[in-house]
N, C-alpha and C. Protein backbone atom coordinates (compact mmCIF):
# COMPACT_ATOMS: atom_id res chain seq x y z
N UNK A 1 53.10 -24.35 69.86
CA UNK A 1 54.25 -25.20 69.61
C UNK A 1 55.39 -24.90 70.58
N UNK A 2 55.71 -23.62 70.74
CA UNK A 2 56.86 -23.24 71.55
C UNK A 2 56.66 -23.51 73.03
N UNK A 3 55.41 -23.52 73.48
CA UNK A 3 55.13 -23.75 74.91
C UNK A 3 55.72 -25.07 75.38
N UNK A 4 55.62 -26.08 74.56
CA UNK A 4 56.17 -27.39 74.93
C UNK A 4 57.55 -27.64 74.32
N UNK A 5 57.84 -27.01 73.18
CA UNK A 5 59.12 -27.29 72.53
C UNK A 5 60.30 -26.69 73.28
N UNK A 6 60.14 -25.52 73.87
CA UNK A 6 61.27 -24.86 74.54
C UNK A 6 61.79 -25.68 75.73
N UNK A 7 60.92 -26.07 76.68
CA UNK A 7 61.48 -26.86 77.79
C UNK A 7 62.01 -28.22 77.36
N UNK A 8 61.38 -28.83 76.37
CA UNK A 8 61.85 -30.14 75.94
C UNK A 8 63.11 -30.04 75.07
N UNK A 9 63.31 -28.92 74.38
CA UNK A 9 64.58 -28.71 73.67
C UNK A 9 65.71 -28.56 74.69
N UNK A 10 65.43 -27.88 75.79
CA UNK A 10 66.42 -27.76 76.87
C UNK A 10 66.78 -29.15 77.39
N UNK A 11 65.77 -29.96 77.67
CA UNK A 11 66.00 -31.31 78.17
C UNK A 11 66.79 -32.14 77.16
N UNK A 12 66.39 -32.08 75.89
CA UNK A 12 67.12 -32.82 74.86
C UNK A 12 68.56 -32.38 74.74
N UNK A 13 68.81 -31.07 74.86
CA UNK A 13 70.18 -30.56 74.81
C UNK A 13 70.99 -30.95 76.03
N UNK A 14 70.32 -31.15 77.15
CA UNK A 14 70.99 -31.49 78.41
C UNK A 14 71.40 -32.96 78.46
N UNK A 15 70.59 -33.82 77.87
CA UNK A 15 70.83 -35.27 77.95
C UNK A 15 72.07 -35.70 77.19
N UNK A 16 72.72 -36.69 77.72
CA UNK A 16 73.87 -37.31 77.08
C UNK A 16 73.49 -38.74 76.73
N UNK A 17 73.18 -38.97 75.48
CA UNK A 17 72.80 -40.31 75.02
C UNK A 17 73.77 -40.76 73.93
N UNK A 18 73.89 -42.07 73.74
CA UNK A 18 74.68 -42.54 72.59
C UNK A 18 74.01 -42.05 71.31
N UNK A 19 74.71 -41.26 70.56
CA UNK A 19 74.09 -40.58 69.43
C UNK A 19 74.10 -41.36 68.12
N UNK A 20 74.96 -42.35 67.98
CA UNK A 20 75.12 -42.97 66.67
C UNK A 20 73.81 -43.54 66.12
N UNK A 21 73.13 -44.35 66.91
CA UNK A 21 71.89 -44.96 66.43
C UNK A 21 70.80 -43.91 66.24
N UNK A 22 70.69 -42.99 67.20
CA UNK A 22 69.69 -41.92 67.08
C UNK A 22 69.91 -41.11 65.81
N UNK A 23 71.15 -40.73 65.56
CA UNK A 23 71.45 -39.94 64.37
C UNK A 23 71.19 -40.72 63.09
N UNK A 24 71.50 -42.00 63.09
CA UNK A 24 71.23 -42.82 61.91
C UNK A 24 69.74 -42.87 61.62
N UNK A 25 68.93 -43.14 62.63
CA UNK A 25 67.48 -43.22 62.43
C UNK A 25 66.90 -41.88 61.99
N UNK A 26 67.29 -40.81 62.66
CA UNK A 26 66.77 -39.49 62.28
C UNK A 26 67.24 -39.09 60.89
N UNK A 27 68.47 -39.40 60.56
CA UNK A 27 68.97 -39.10 59.22
C UNK A 27 68.18 -39.82 58.14
N UNK A 28 67.86 -41.08 58.39
CA UNK A 28 67.06 -41.83 57.42
C UNK A 28 65.65 -41.26 57.30
N UNK A 29 65.08 -40.82 58.42
CA UNK A 29 63.76 -40.18 58.38
C UNK A 29 63.82 -38.90 57.53
N UNK A 30 64.86 -38.11 57.73
CA UNK A 30 65.00 -36.88 56.94
C UNK A 30 65.19 -37.18 55.46
N UNK A 31 65.96 -38.21 55.15
CA UNK A 31 66.11 -38.59 53.75
C UNK A 31 64.78 -39.05 53.16
N UNK A 32 63.99 -39.77 53.93
CA UNK A 32 62.66 -40.16 53.46
C UNK A 32 61.79 -38.94 53.19
N UNK A 33 61.87 -37.96 54.07
CA UNK A 33 61.11 -36.72 53.87
C UNK A 33 61.58 -36.00 52.61
N UNK A 34 62.88 -35.94 52.42
CA UNK A 34 63.43 -35.28 51.24
C UNK A 34 62.95 -35.97 49.97
N UNK A 35 62.99 -37.29 49.97
CA UNK A 35 62.55 -38.06 48.81
C UNK A 35 61.09 -37.75 48.48
N UNK A 36 60.25 -37.67 49.50
CA UNK A 36 58.83 -37.38 49.29
C UNK A 36 58.63 -36.01 48.64
N UNK A 37 59.40 -35.01 49.09
CA UNK A 37 59.26 -33.67 48.52
C UNK A 37 59.79 -33.59 47.09
N UNK A 38 60.78 -34.40 46.76
CA UNK A 38 61.29 -34.42 45.40
C UNK A 38 60.34 -35.14 44.45
N UNK A 39 59.74 -36.22 44.92
CA UNK A 39 58.87 -37.02 44.06
C UNK A 39 57.50 -36.38 43.86
N UNK A 40 56.91 -35.87 44.95
CA UNK A 40 55.55 -35.33 44.84
C UNK A 40 55.42 -33.96 45.50
N UNK A 41 56.15 -32.96 45.03
CA UNK A 41 55.94 -31.65 45.62
C UNK A 41 54.62 -31.07 45.12
N UNK A 42 53.84 -30.51 46.01
CA UNK A 42 52.61 -29.85 45.58
C UNK A 42 52.19 -28.86 46.65
N UNK A 43 51.52 -27.83 46.21
CA UNK A 43 51.00 -26.83 47.13
C UNK A 43 49.52 -27.11 47.32
N UNK A 44 49.14 -27.36 48.54
CA UNK A 44 47.74 -27.61 48.86
C UNK A 44 46.96 -26.31 48.84
N UNK A 45 45.68 -26.40 48.59
CA UNK A 45 44.83 -25.20 48.61
C UNK A 45 43.85 -25.24 49.77
N UNK A 46 43.72 -26.39 50.41
CA UNK A 46 42.82 -26.52 51.56
C UNK A 46 43.67 -26.86 52.79
N UNK A 47 43.47 -26.09 53.85
CA UNK A 47 44.26 -26.28 55.06
C UNK A 47 43.34 -26.49 56.25
N UNK A 48 43.85 -27.14 57.28
CA UNK A 48 43.05 -27.38 58.48
C UNK A 48 43.75 -26.76 59.68
N UNK A 49 42.98 -26.27 60.61
CA UNK A 49 43.53 -25.73 61.85
C UNK A 49 43.77 -26.89 62.80
N UNK A 50 45.01 -27.07 63.25
CA UNK A 50 45.29 -28.17 64.16
C UNK A 50 44.68 -27.92 65.54
N UNK A 51 44.36 -29.00 66.22
CA UNK A 51 43.86 -28.89 67.59
C UNK A 51 45.01 -28.47 68.50
N UNK A 52 44.66 -27.82 69.59
CA UNK A 52 45.66 -27.38 70.57
C UNK A 52 46.48 -28.57 71.06
N UNK A 53 45.82 -29.70 71.31
CA UNK A 53 46.55 -30.88 71.79
C UNK A 53 47.57 -31.36 70.76
N UNK A 54 47.23 -31.27 69.48
CA UNK A 54 48.18 -31.65 68.42
C UNK A 54 49.38 -30.72 68.40
N UNK A 55 49.12 -29.42 68.57
CA UNK A 55 50.21 -28.46 68.58
C UNK A 55 51.15 -28.69 69.77
N UNK A 56 50.56 -28.94 70.94
CA UNK A 56 51.37 -29.16 72.13
C UNK A 56 52.20 -30.43 72.01
N UNK A 57 51.58 -31.50 71.53
CA UNK A 57 52.31 -32.76 71.36
C UNK A 57 53.41 -32.62 70.31
N UNK A 58 53.08 -32.00 69.19
CA UNK A 58 54.08 -31.80 68.14
C UNK A 58 55.23 -30.95 68.64
N UNK A 59 54.92 -29.86 69.32
CA UNK A 59 55.97 -28.99 69.86
C UNK A 59 56.88 -29.73 70.82
N UNK A 60 56.30 -30.54 71.70
CA UNK A 60 57.10 -31.28 72.67
C UNK A 60 58.03 -32.28 72.02
N UNK A 61 57.48 -33.09 71.14
CA UNK A 61 58.29 -34.13 70.47
C UNK A 61 59.38 -33.49 69.62
N UNK A 62 59.01 -32.50 68.83
CA UNK A 62 60.00 -31.89 67.94
C UNK A 62 61.01 -31.05 68.71
N UNK A 63 60.59 -30.40 69.79
CA UNK A 63 61.53 -29.67 70.63
C UNK A 63 62.57 -30.61 71.24
N UNK A 64 62.10 -31.74 71.74
CA UNK A 64 63.01 -32.73 72.33
C UNK A 64 64.00 -33.23 71.28
N UNK A 65 63.49 -33.55 70.08
CA UNK A 65 64.38 -34.01 69.00
C UNK A 65 65.37 -32.92 68.60
N UNK A 66 64.91 -31.67 68.60
CA UNK A 66 65.79 -30.55 68.26
C UNK A 66 66.94 -30.45 69.25
N UNK A 67 66.64 -30.52 70.54
CA UNK A 67 67.68 -30.44 71.55
C UNK A 67 68.61 -31.64 71.51
N UNK A 68 68.04 -32.81 71.31
CA UNK A 68 68.82 -34.04 71.30
C UNK A 68 69.79 -34.09 70.13
N UNK A 69 69.35 -33.59 68.97
CA UNK A 69 70.17 -33.67 67.76
C UNK A 69 71.01 -32.43 67.52
N UNK A 70 70.82 -31.39 68.32
CA UNK A 70 71.59 -30.16 68.12
C UNK A 70 71.14 -29.37 66.91
N UNK A 71 69.89 -29.53 66.51
CA UNK A 71 69.33 -28.75 65.42
C UNK A 71 68.27 -27.81 66.01
N UNK A 72 67.75 -26.93 65.21
CA UNK A 72 66.69 -26.04 65.69
C UNK A 72 65.32 -26.67 65.63
N UNK A 73 65.20 -27.81 64.96
CA UNK A 73 63.92 -28.50 64.88
C UNK A 73 63.11 -28.19 63.63
N UNK A 74 63.52 -27.17 62.89
CA UNK A 74 62.78 -26.81 61.68
C UNK A 74 62.81 -27.91 60.63
N UNK A 75 63.87 -28.71 60.63
CA UNK A 75 63.96 -29.81 59.66
C UNK A 75 62.92 -30.88 59.94
N UNK A 76 62.39 -30.89 61.15
CA UNK A 76 61.31 -31.82 61.49
C UNK A 76 59.94 -31.13 61.37
N UNK A 77 59.86 -29.88 61.83
CA UNK A 77 58.59 -29.16 61.86
C UNK A 77 58.07 -28.84 60.46
N UNK A 78 58.94 -28.36 59.60
CA UNK A 78 58.49 -27.90 58.28
C UNK A 78 57.81 -29.01 57.48
N UNK A 79 58.43 -30.18 57.31
CA UNK A 79 57.73 -31.23 56.57
C UNK A 79 56.44 -31.66 57.26
N UNK A 80 56.47 -31.73 58.59
CA UNK A 80 55.29 -32.16 59.34
C UNK A 80 54.11 -31.22 59.08
N UNK A 81 54.36 -29.91 59.16
CA UNK A 81 53.28 -28.94 58.95
C UNK A 81 52.75 -28.99 57.52
N UNK A 82 53.63 -29.19 56.55
CA UNK A 82 53.19 -29.26 55.16
C UNK A 82 52.36 -30.53 54.94
N UNK A 83 52.83 -31.67 55.45
CA UNK A 83 52.10 -32.93 55.28
C UNK A 83 50.75 -32.90 55.98
N UNK A 84 50.70 -32.27 57.15
CA UNK A 84 49.45 -32.20 57.90
C UNK A 84 48.51 -31.12 57.36
N UNK A 85 48.98 -30.35 56.39
CA UNK A 85 48.20 -29.28 55.76
C UNK A 85 47.76 -28.24 56.78
N UNK A 86 48.69 -27.85 57.65
CA UNK A 86 48.39 -26.86 58.68
C UNK A 86 48.45 -25.44 58.15
N UNK A 87 49.21 -25.21 57.06
CA UNK A 87 49.35 -23.86 56.52
C UNK A 87 50.02 -23.94 55.15
N UNK A 88 49.92 -22.85 54.36
CA UNK A 88 50.64 -22.79 53.08
C UNK A 88 52.16 -22.85 53.31
N UNK A 89 52.88 -23.28 52.30
CA UNK A 89 54.32 -23.48 52.41
C UNK A 89 55.05 -22.24 52.91
N UNK A 90 54.72 -21.07 52.39
CA UNK A 90 55.42 -19.85 52.81
C UNK A 90 55.12 -19.52 54.27
N UNK A 91 53.93 -19.77 54.73
CA UNK A 91 53.60 -19.55 56.15
C UNK A 91 54.36 -20.54 57.02
N UNK A 92 54.43 -21.78 56.58
CA UNK A 92 55.18 -22.81 57.31
C UNK A 92 56.65 -22.39 57.44
N UNK A 93 57.21 -21.86 56.37
CA UNK A 93 58.61 -21.42 56.41
C UNK A 93 58.79 -20.31 57.45
N UNK A 94 57.86 -19.39 57.52
CA UNK A 94 57.95 -18.29 58.50
C UNK A 94 57.84 -18.81 59.93
N UNK A 95 56.91 -19.73 60.16
CA UNK A 95 56.74 -20.32 61.49
C UNK A 95 58.00 -21.08 61.89
N UNK A 96 58.58 -21.79 60.94
CA UNK A 96 59.77 -22.59 61.23
C UNK A 96 60.96 -21.75 61.66
N UNK A 97 61.09 -20.55 61.10
CA UNK A 97 62.21 -19.68 61.47
C UNK A 97 62.15 -19.37 62.96
N UNK A 98 60.97 -19.02 63.45
CA UNK A 98 60.81 -18.70 64.87
C UNK A 98 61.03 -19.95 65.72
N UNK A 99 60.47 -21.07 65.28
CA UNK A 99 60.62 -22.34 65.99
C UNK A 99 62.10 -22.71 66.12
N UNK A 100 62.83 -22.56 65.03
CA UNK A 100 64.26 -22.87 65.04
C UNK A 100 65.01 -21.97 66.02
N UNK A 101 64.70 -20.70 66.00
CA UNK A 101 65.39 -19.76 66.89
C UNK A 101 65.18 -20.10 68.36
N UNK A 102 63.93 -20.27 68.77
CA UNK A 102 63.67 -20.51 70.20
C UNK A 102 64.20 -21.87 70.65
N UNK A 103 64.10 -22.87 69.79
CA UNK A 103 64.61 -24.19 70.17
C UNK A 103 66.13 -24.25 70.15
N UNK A 104 66.75 -23.53 69.25
CA UNK A 104 68.21 -23.48 69.22
C UNK A 104 68.75 -22.85 70.50
N UNK A 105 68.14 -21.76 70.90
CA UNK A 105 68.56 -21.09 72.14
C UNK A 105 68.35 -22.00 73.34
N UNK A 106 67.18 -22.63 73.41
CA UNK A 106 66.87 -23.50 74.54
C UNK A 106 67.76 -24.75 74.55
N UNK A 107 67.93 -25.38 73.40
CA UNK A 107 68.79 -26.56 73.33
C UNK A 107 70.24 -26.24 73.67
N UNK A 108 70.71 -25.08 73.20
CA UNK A 108 72.07 -24.66 73.52
C UNK A 108 72.21 -24.39 75.02
N UNK A 109 71.18 -23.80 75.62
CA UNK A 109 71.21 -23.57 77.08
C UNK A 109 71.29 -24.90 77.83
N UNK A 110 70.55 -25.90 77.37
CA UNK A 110 70.63 -27.22 77.99
C UNK A 110 72.00 -27.84 77.83
N UNK A 111 72.56 -27.69 76.64
CA UNK A 111 73.90 -28.23 76.38
C UNK A 111 74.93 -27.56 77.28
N UNK A 112 74.89 -26.23 77.32
CA UNK A 112 75.84 -25.48 78.15
C UNK A 112 75.67 -25.86 79.62
N UNK A 113 74.44 -26.08 80.06
CA UNK A 113 74.19 -26.49 81.45
C UNK A 113 74.80 -27.85 81.76
N UNK A 114 74.81 -28.74 80.78
CA UNK A 114 75.31 -30.09 81.05
C UNK A 114 76.83 -30.18 80.95
N UNK A 115 77.44 -29.44 80.04
CA UNK A 115 78.90 -29.54 79.87
C UNK A 115 79.65 -28.36 80.46
N UNK A 116 78.93 -27.35 80.87
CA UNK A 116 79.49 -26.17 81.54
C UNK A 116 80.46 -25.38 80.65
N UNK A 117 80.23 -25.41 79.34
CA UNK A 117 81.05 -24.59 78.45
C UNK A 117 80.24 -24.23 77.22
N UNK A 118 80.62 -23.13 76.60
CA UNK A 118 79.96 -22.66 75.39
C UNK A 118 80.83 -23.04 74.20
N UNK A 119 80.25 -23.58 73.13
CA UNK A 119 81.07 -23.95 71.96
C UNK A 119 81.88 -22.75 71.45
N UNK A 120 83.13 -22.97 71.10
CA UNK A 120 84.01 -21.89 70.66
C UNK A 120 83.48 -21.15 69.44
N UNK A 121 82.85 -21.86 68.54
CA UNK A 121 82.34 -21.22 67.33
C UNK A 121 80.86 -20.86 67.46
N UNK A 122 80.32 -20.91 68.66
CA UNK A 122 78.90 -20.65 68.88
C UNK A 122 78.44 -19.30 68.37
N UNK A 123 79.20 -18.26 68.64
CA UNK A 123 78.82 -16.92 68.20
C UNK A 123 78.81 -16.79 66.69
N UNK A 124 79.81 -17.37 66.05
CA UNK A 124 79.89 -17.33 64.59
C UNK A 124 78.71 -18.09 63.98
N UNK A 125 78.43 -19.27 64.51
CA UNK A 125 77.31 -20.06 63.99
C UNK A 125 75.98 -19.35 64.20
N UNK A 126 75.82 -18.70 65.35
CA UNK A 126 74.60 -17.95 65.62
C UNK A 126 74.43 -16.83 64.60
N UNK A 127 75.49 -16.08 64.35
CA UNK A 127 75.43 -15.00 63.37
C UNK A 127 75.12 -15.51 61.97
N UNK A 128 75.75 -16.61 61.59
CA UNK A 128 75.49 -17.20 60.28
C UNK A 128 74.04 -17.67 60.17
N UNK A 129 73.51 -18.25 61.24
CA UNK A 129 72.13 -18.73 61.22
C UNK A 129 71.15 -17.57 61.10
N UNK A 130 71.40 -16.49 61.83
CA UNK A 130 70.51 -15.32 61.76
C UNK A 130 70.56 -14.72 60.36
N UNK A 131 71.75 -14.53 59.82
CA UNK A 131 71.89 -13.97 58.48
C UNK A 131 71.24 -14.87 57.43
N UNK A 132 71.51 -16.16 57.50
CA UNK A 132 70.92 -17.10 56.54
C UNK A 132 69.41 -17.15 56.65
N UNK A 133 68.88 -17.12 57.87
CA UNK A 133 67.44 -17.11 58.06
C UNK A 133 66.80 -15.86 57.50
N UNK A 134 67.45 -14.71 57.71
CA UNK A 134 66.91 -13.45 57.22
C UNK A 134 66.91 -13.42 55.69
N UNK A 135 68.05 -13.77 55.09
CA UNK A 135 68.15 -13.77 53.62
C UNK A 135 67.16 -14.77 53.02
N UNK A 136 67.13 -15.97 53.59
CA UNK A 136 66.23 -17.00 53.07
C UNK A 136 64.77 -16.61 53.17
N UNK A 137 64.38 -16.01 54.28
CA UNK A 137 62.97 -15.63 54.44
C UNK A 137 62.60 -14.48 53.50
N UNK A 138 63.51 -13.54 53.30
CA UNK A 138 63.24 -12.42 52.39
C UNK A 138 63.08 -12.93 50.96
N UNK A 139 64.03 -13.74 50.51
CA UNK A 139 63.97 -14.25 49.14
C UNK A 139 62.81 -15.22 48.96
N UNK A 140 62.64 -16.10 49.92
CA UNK A 140 61.58 -17.10 49.80
C UNK A 140 60.20 -16.50 49.77
N UNK A 141 59.96 -15.46 50.54
CA UNK A 141 58.62 -14.88 50.60
C UNK A 141 58.32 -14.00 49.39
N UNK A 142 59.34 -13.56 48.69
CA UNK A 142 59.11 -12.60 47.60
C UNK A 142 59.38 -13.15 46.20
N UNK A 143 60.25 -14.13 46.09
CA UNK A 143 60.74 -14.48 44.75
C UNK A 143 60.48 -15.92 44.32
N UNK A 144 60.11 -16.79 45.23
CA UNK A 144 60.03 -18.19 44.86
C UNK A 144 58.65 -18.77 45.10
N UNK A 145 58.29 -19.71 44.24
CA UNK A 145 56.99 -20.38 44.36
C UNK A 145 57.04 -21.41 45.49
N UNK A 146 55.88 -21.79 46.00
CA UNK A 146 55.84 -22.84 47.03
C UNK A 146 56.49 -24.15 46.57
N UNK A 147 56.33 -24.50 45.30
CA UNK A 147 56.94 -25.75 44.81
C UNK A 147 58.46 -25.64 44.81
N UNK A 148 58.99 -24.48 44.44
CA UNK A 148 60.43 -24.28 44.47
C UNK A 148 60.93 -24.38 45.90
N UNK A 149 60.21 -23.80 46.84
CA UNK A 149 60.59 -23.86 48.25
C UNK A 149 60.59 -25.30 48.74
N UNK A 150 59.61 -26.10 48.31
CA UNK A 150 59.57 -27.51 48.72
C UNK A 150 60.76 -28.27 48.15
N UNK A 151 61.16 -27.95 46.94
CA UNK A 151 62.35 -28.62 46.38
C UNK A 151 63.61 -28.21 47.13
N UNK A 152 63.70 -26.94 47.49
CA UNK A 152 64.82 -26.49 48.30
C UNK A 152 64.81 -27.17 49.67
N UNK A 153 63.62 -27.32 50.23
CA UNK A 153 63.48 -28.03 51.50
C UNK A 153 63.99 -29.46 51.37
N UNK A 154 63.70 -30.11 50.25
CA UNK A 154 64.19 -31.47 50.03
C UNK A 154 65.72 -31.50 50.08
N UNK A 155 66.35 -30.50 49.48
CA UNK A 155 67.81 -30.42 49.51
C UNK A 155 68.32 -30.23 50.94
N UNK A 156 67.69 -29.34 51.69
CA UNK A 156 68.09 -29.09 53.07
C UNK A 156 67.91 -30.36 53.91
N UNK A 157 66.79 -31.06 53.72
CA UNK A 157 66.55 -32.30 54.46
C UNK A 157 67.60 -33.36 54.11
N UNK A 158 67.96 -33.44 52.85
CA UNK A 158 68.96 -34.40 52.42
C UNK A 158 70.31 -34.10 53.08
N UNK A 159 70.70 -32.82 53.09
CA UNK A 159 71.96 -32.42 53.72
C UNK A 159 71.92 -32.68 55.22
N UNK A 160 70.82 -32.30 55.86
CA UNK A 160 70.69 -32.50 57.31
C UNK A 160 70.74 -33.99 57.66
N UNK A 161 70.07 -34.82 56.85
CA UNK A 161 70.11 -36.26 57.08
C UNK A 161 71.52 -36.80 56.94
N UNK A 162 72.24 -36.34 55.92
CA UNK A 162 73.62 -36.76 55.74
C UNK A 162 74.51 -36.32 56.89
N UNK A 163 74.28 -35.11 57.39
CA UNK A 163 75.06 -34.63 58.53
C UNK A 163 74.83 -35.53 59.74
N UNK A 164 73.58 -35.87 59.99
CA UNK A 164 73.27 -36.72 61.15
C UNK A 164 73.89 -38.11 61.01
N UNK A 165 73.89 -38.63 59.80
CA UNK A 165 74.39 -40.00 59.58
C UNK A 165 75.91 -40.06 59.54
N UNK A 166 76.54 -39.11 58.84
CA UNK A 166 77.96 -39.25 58.54
C UNK A 166 78.90 -38.38 59.36
N UNK A 167 78.40 -37.34 60.02
CA UNK A 167 79.28 -36.45 60.79
C UNK A 167 79.00 -36.66 62.27
N UNK A 168 79.97 -37.21 63.00
CA UNK A 168 79.74 -37.51 64.42
C UNK A 168 79.57 -36.25 65.27
């Protein structure tokens, strides 16, 4: 995933596109994903190993979207992996943490390259993201069921969709 997501997150972070329509469409997609997890959350027991070509394509598309939208991409990767039955929910959550980290760094590098400045609150946001990721992964892996995690994911997707739609 990261082989293609990192360079495309950089490209997405570098590009300057009109964001309103893109954010509206992506926000609606995230809300649709959230709705699906609220209506039919379930933990699969049979999983399939994705083909290398599927991983590369998924990484590229989601990395580009991550850079373009200023997210780490986990809001796109996590539902995709669960729907495609690539791994159990807790494994998907662990993979997403790494995916978010590498794409956030790459997308931020692309952004900084294009505007030649680092966001003033960048360090604070990075620290908050690391702390939140660490706490969430510790609690999620030890204390919560996969169905609870999917419901929490629905909440995160709903918030992320709202951010994309309503916050410029």
